[in-house]
Amino acid sequence: MAALPPSFDIAELPLDIEVLWRLARSVGEQFPIFQDPTSASPAPGGLPTLTLEHRYLAGPLPGVAGAW
């Protein structure tokens, strides 16, 4: 984090699609939808911070300044 400029935005992170395909292959047996790449819809890149229900996945750690 120290190497990132103060103006850093999460949208600047490149999407490494191979990481996603590796994860999809690892759960393909449990979730057959991931076995056929044409059946999956494209998703935005970056780090997700909200669930589909708009609940935060990450947030400040109470009592520890600057910790998330």
N, C-alpha and C. Protein backbone atom coordinates (compact mmCIF):
# COMPACT_ATOMS: atom_id res chain seq x y z
N MET A 1 0.80 -1.19 0.00
CA MET A 1 0.00 0.00 0.00
C MET A 1 0.85 1.26 0.00
N ALA A 2 2.00 1.19 0.65
CA ALA A 2 2.86 2.38 0.73
C ALA A 2 3.32 2.82 -0.66
N ALA A 3 3.38 1.89 -1.61
CA ALA A 3 3.85 2.23 -2.95
C ALA A 3 2.77 2.89 -3.80
N LEU A 4 1.52 2.86 -3.34
CA LEU A 4 0.43 3.44 -4.12
C LEU A 4 0.33 4.94 -3.88
N PRO A 5 0.06 5.69 -4.94
CA PRO A 5 -0.09 7.13 -4.77
C PRO A 5 -1.38 7.45 -4.00
N PRO A 6 -1.44 8.60 -3.34
CA PRO A 6 -2.65 8.97 -2.60
C PRO A 6 -3.90 9.02 -3.48
N SER A 7 -3.70 9.25 -4.77
CA SER A 7 -4.84 9.36 -5.69
C SER A 7 -5.28 7.99 -6.23
N PHE A 8 -4.72 6.90 -5.71
CA PHE A 8 -5.04 5.56 -6.21
C PHE A 8 -6.53 5.28 -6.14
N ASP A 9 -7.05 4.65 -7.20
CA ASP A 9 -8.45 4.26 -7.25
C ASP A 9 -8.51 2.78 -7.60
N ILE A 10 -9.41 2.04 -6.97
CA ILE A 10 -9.52 0.59 -7.18
C ILE A 10 -9.77 0.27 -8.66
N ALA A 11 -10.38 1.18 -9.40
CA ALA A 11 -10.66 0.96 -10.82
C ALA A 11 -9.37 0.86 -11.63
N GLU A 12 -8.25 1.28 -11.08
CA GLU A 12 -6.97 1.22 -11.79
C GLU A 12 -6.37 -0.19 -11.80
N LEU A 13 -6.90 -1.09 -10.98
CA LEU A 13 -6.36 -2.45 -10.94
C LEU A 13 -6.72 -3.20 -12.22
N PRO A 14 -5.74 -3.84 -12.86
CA PRO A 14 -6.05 -4.60 -14.06
C PRO A 14 -6.77 -5.90 -13.69
N LEU A 15 -7.63 -6.38 -14.58
CA LEU A 15 -8.34 -7.63 -14.37
C LEU A 15 -7.49 -8.76 -14.95
N ASP A 16 -7.04 -9.68 -14.11
CA ASP A 16 -6.28 -10.84 -14.55
C ASP A 16 -7.26 -11.99 -14.69
N ILE A 17 -7.81 -12.16 -15.89
CA ILE A 17 -8.86 -13.14 -16.12
C ILE A 17 -8.40 -14.57 -15.85
N GLU A 18 -7.11 -14.86 -15.99
CA GLU A 18 -6.62 -16.21 -15.73
C GLU A 18 -6.83 -16.60 -14.26
N VAL A 19 -6.71 -15.67 -13.35
CA VAL A 19 -6.97 -15.96 -11.94
C VAL A 19 -8.42 -16.42 -11.77
N LEU A 20 -9.34 -15.73 -12.44
CA LEU A 20 -10.75 -16.10 -12.35
C LEU A 20 -11.02 -17.47 -12.95
N TRP A 21 -10.39 -17.76 -14.10
CA TRP A 21 -10.60 -19.08 -14.72
C TRP A 21 -10.02 -20.19 -13.87
N ARG A 22 -8.89 -19.94 -13.23
CA ARG A 22 -8.28 -20.95 -12.35
C ARG A 22 -9.23 -21.26 -11.18
N LEU A 23 -9.81 -20.22 -10.62
CA LEU A 23 -10.77 -20.43 -9.53
C LEU A 23 -12.02 -21.17 -10.03
N ALA A 24 -12.51 -20.79 -11.20
CA ALA A 24 -13.68 -21.45 -11.77
C ALA A 24 -13.41 -22.94 -12.00
N ARG A 25 -12.23 -23.26 -12.52
CA ARG A 25 -11.89 -24.68 -12.74
C ARG A 25 -11.83 -25.45 -11.43
N SER A 26 -11.39 -24.79 -10.36
CA SER A 26 -11.24 -25.48 -9.09
C SER A 26 -12.59 -25.82 -8.44
N VAL A 27 -13.66 -25.14 -8.84
CA VAL A 27 -14.98 -25.44 -8.27
C VAL A 27 -15.95 -25.98 -9.33
N GLY A 28 -15.43 -26.32 -10.49
CA GLY A 28 -16.27 -26.77 -11.60
C GLY A 28 -17.11 -27.99 -11.29
N GLU A 29 -16.60 -28.89 -10.48
CA GLU A 29 -17.36 -30.09 -10.14
C GLU A 29 -18.58 -29.75 -9.26
N GLN A 30 -18.38 -28.82 -8.34
CA GLN A 30 -19.47 -28.43 -7.45
C GLN A 30 -20.46 -27.47 -8.12
N PHE A 31 -19.95 -26.66 -9.07
CA PHE A 31 -20.77 -25.67 -9.75
C PHE A 31 -20.60 -25.83 -11.26
N PRO A 32 -21.40 -26.70 -11.88
CA PRO A 32 -21.23 -27.00 -13.31
C PRO A 32 -21.29 -25.78 -14.23
N ILE A 33 -21.93 -24.70 -13.80
CA ILE A 33 -22.00 -23.51 -14.66
C ILE A 33 -20.60 -23.00 -15.02
N PHE A 34 -19.62 -23.26 -14.15
CA PHE A 34 -18.25 -22.79 -14.41
C PHE A 34 -17.48 -23.70 -15.36
N GLN A 35 -18.06 -24.83 -15.76
CA GLN A 35 -17.36 -25.73 -16.68
C GLN A 35 -17.43 -25.22 -18.12
N ASP A 36 -18.44 -24.43 -18.43
CA ASP A 36 -18.61 -23.89 -19.78
C ASP A 36 -18.41 -22.38 -19.73
N PRO A 37 -17.24 -21.91 -20.19
CA PRO A 37 -16.97 -20.47 -20.10
C PRO A 37 -17.97 -19.59 -20.83
N THR A 38 -18.66 -20.14 -21.83
CA THR A 38 -19.62 -19.31 -22.57
C THR A 38 -20.90 -19.07 -21.77
N SER A 39 -21.11 -19.85 -20.70
CA SER A 39 -22.34 -19.68 -19.92
C SER A 39 -22.19 -18.63 -18.82
N ALA A 40 -20.98 -18.25 -18.53
CA ALA A 40 -20.76 -17.26 -17.45
C ALA A 40 -20.86 -15.85 -18.01
N SER A 41 -21.53 -14.96 -17.29
CA SER A 41 -21.60 -13.58 -17.73
C SER A 41 -20.35 -12.83 -17.33
N PRO A 42 -19.96 -11.85 -18.12
CA PRO A 42 -18.79 -11.05 -17.74
C PRO A 42 -19.07 -10.25 -16.48
N ALA A 43 -18.06 -10.07 -15.70
CA ALA A 43 -18.19 -9.30 -14.45
C ALA A 43 -17.15 -8.21 -14.44
N PRO A 44 -17.40 -7.12 -13.74
CA PRO A 44 -16.40 -6.07 -13.65
C PRO A 44 -15.17 -6.54 -12.88
N GLY A 45 -14.03 -5.95 -13.18
CA GLY A 45 -12.80 -6.31 -12.48
C GLY A 45 -12.66 -5.52 -11.18
N GLY A 46 -11.56 -5.74 -10.53
CA GLY A 46 -11.31 -5.03 -9.28
C GLY A 46 -11.67 -5.86 -8.07
N LEU A 47 -11.50 -5.29 -6.92
CA LEU A 47 -11.81 -5.99 -5.68
C LEU A 47 -13.23 -5.68 -5.25
N PRO A 48 -14.05 -6.73 -5.05
CA PRO A 48 -15.42 -6.46 -4.62
C PRO A 48 -15.43 -5.99 -3.16
N THR A 49 -16.25 -5.01 -2.87
CA THR A 49 -16.37 -4.53 -1.50
C THR A 49 -17.79 -4.63 -0.98
N LEU A 50 -18.74 -5.00 -1.86
CA LEU A 50 -20.14 -5.15 -1.45
C LEU A 50 -20.66 -6.50 -1.93
N THR A 51 -21.60 -7.07 -1.16
CA THR A 51 -22.29 -8.28 -1.61
C THR A 51 -23.41 -7.87 -2.55
N LEU A 52 -24.08 -8.85 -3.14
CA LEU A 52 -25.22 -8.54 -4.01
C LEU A 52 -26.35 -7.87 -3.24
N GLU A 53 -26.36 -8.07 -1.92
CA GLU A 53 -27.37 -7.43 -1.07
C GLU A 53 -26.92 -6.06 -0.57
N HIS A 54 -25.84 -5.55 -1.13
CA HIS A 54 -25.28 -4.24 -0.78
C HIS A 54 -24.80 -4.17 0.68
N ARG A 55 -24.23 -5.28 1.16
CA ARG A 55 -23.62 -5.30 2.49
C ARG A 55 -22.11 -5.27 2.29
N TYR A 56 -21.43 -4.57 3.17
CA TYR A 56 -19.97 -4.44 3.03
C TYR A 56 -19.25 -5.74 3.32
N LEU A 57 -18.26 -6.07 2.48
CA LEU A 57 -17.38 -7.21 2.72
C LEU A 57 -16.19 -6.79 3.56
N ALA A 58 -15.81 -5.54 3.43
CA ALA A 58 -14.65 -5.02 4.16
C ALA A 58 -15.02 -3.68 4.74
N GLY A 59 -14.43 -3.38 5.86
CA GLY A 59 -14.70 -2.09 6.48
C GLY A 59 -13.65 -1.81 7.53
N PRO A 60 -13.74 -0.68 8.19
CA PRO A 60 -12.75 -0.32 9.19
C PRO A 60 -12.81 -1.27 10.39
N LEU A 61 -11.67 -1.55 10.94
CA LEU A 61 -11.55 -2.39 12.13
C LEU A 61 -11.69 -1.49 13.35
N PRO A 62 -12.76 -1.67 14.13
CA PRO A 62 -12.97 -0.79 15.29
C PRO A 62 -11.78 -0.79 16.24
N GLY A 63 -11.36 0.39 16.65
CA GLY A 63 -10.30 0.53 17.62
C GLY A 63 -8.89 0.49 17.05
N VAL A 64 -8.74 0.26 15.74
CA VAL A 64 -7.41 0.22 15.13
C VAL A 64 -7.40 1.19 13.95
N ALA A 65 -6.82 2.35 14.17
CA ALA A 65 -6.81 3.39 13.12
C ALA A 65 -6.12 2.90 11.86
N GLY A 66 -6.76 3.09 10.73
CA GLY A 66 -6.19 2.75 9.43
C GLY A 66 -6.27 1.28 9.06
N ALA A 67 -6.85 0.44 9.90
CA ALA A 67 -6.96 -1.00 9.59
C ALA A 67 -8.31 -1.30 8.99
N TRP A 68 -8.30 -2.06 7.91
CA TRP A 68 -9.55 -2.45 7.25
C TRP A 68 -9.58 -3.95 7.13
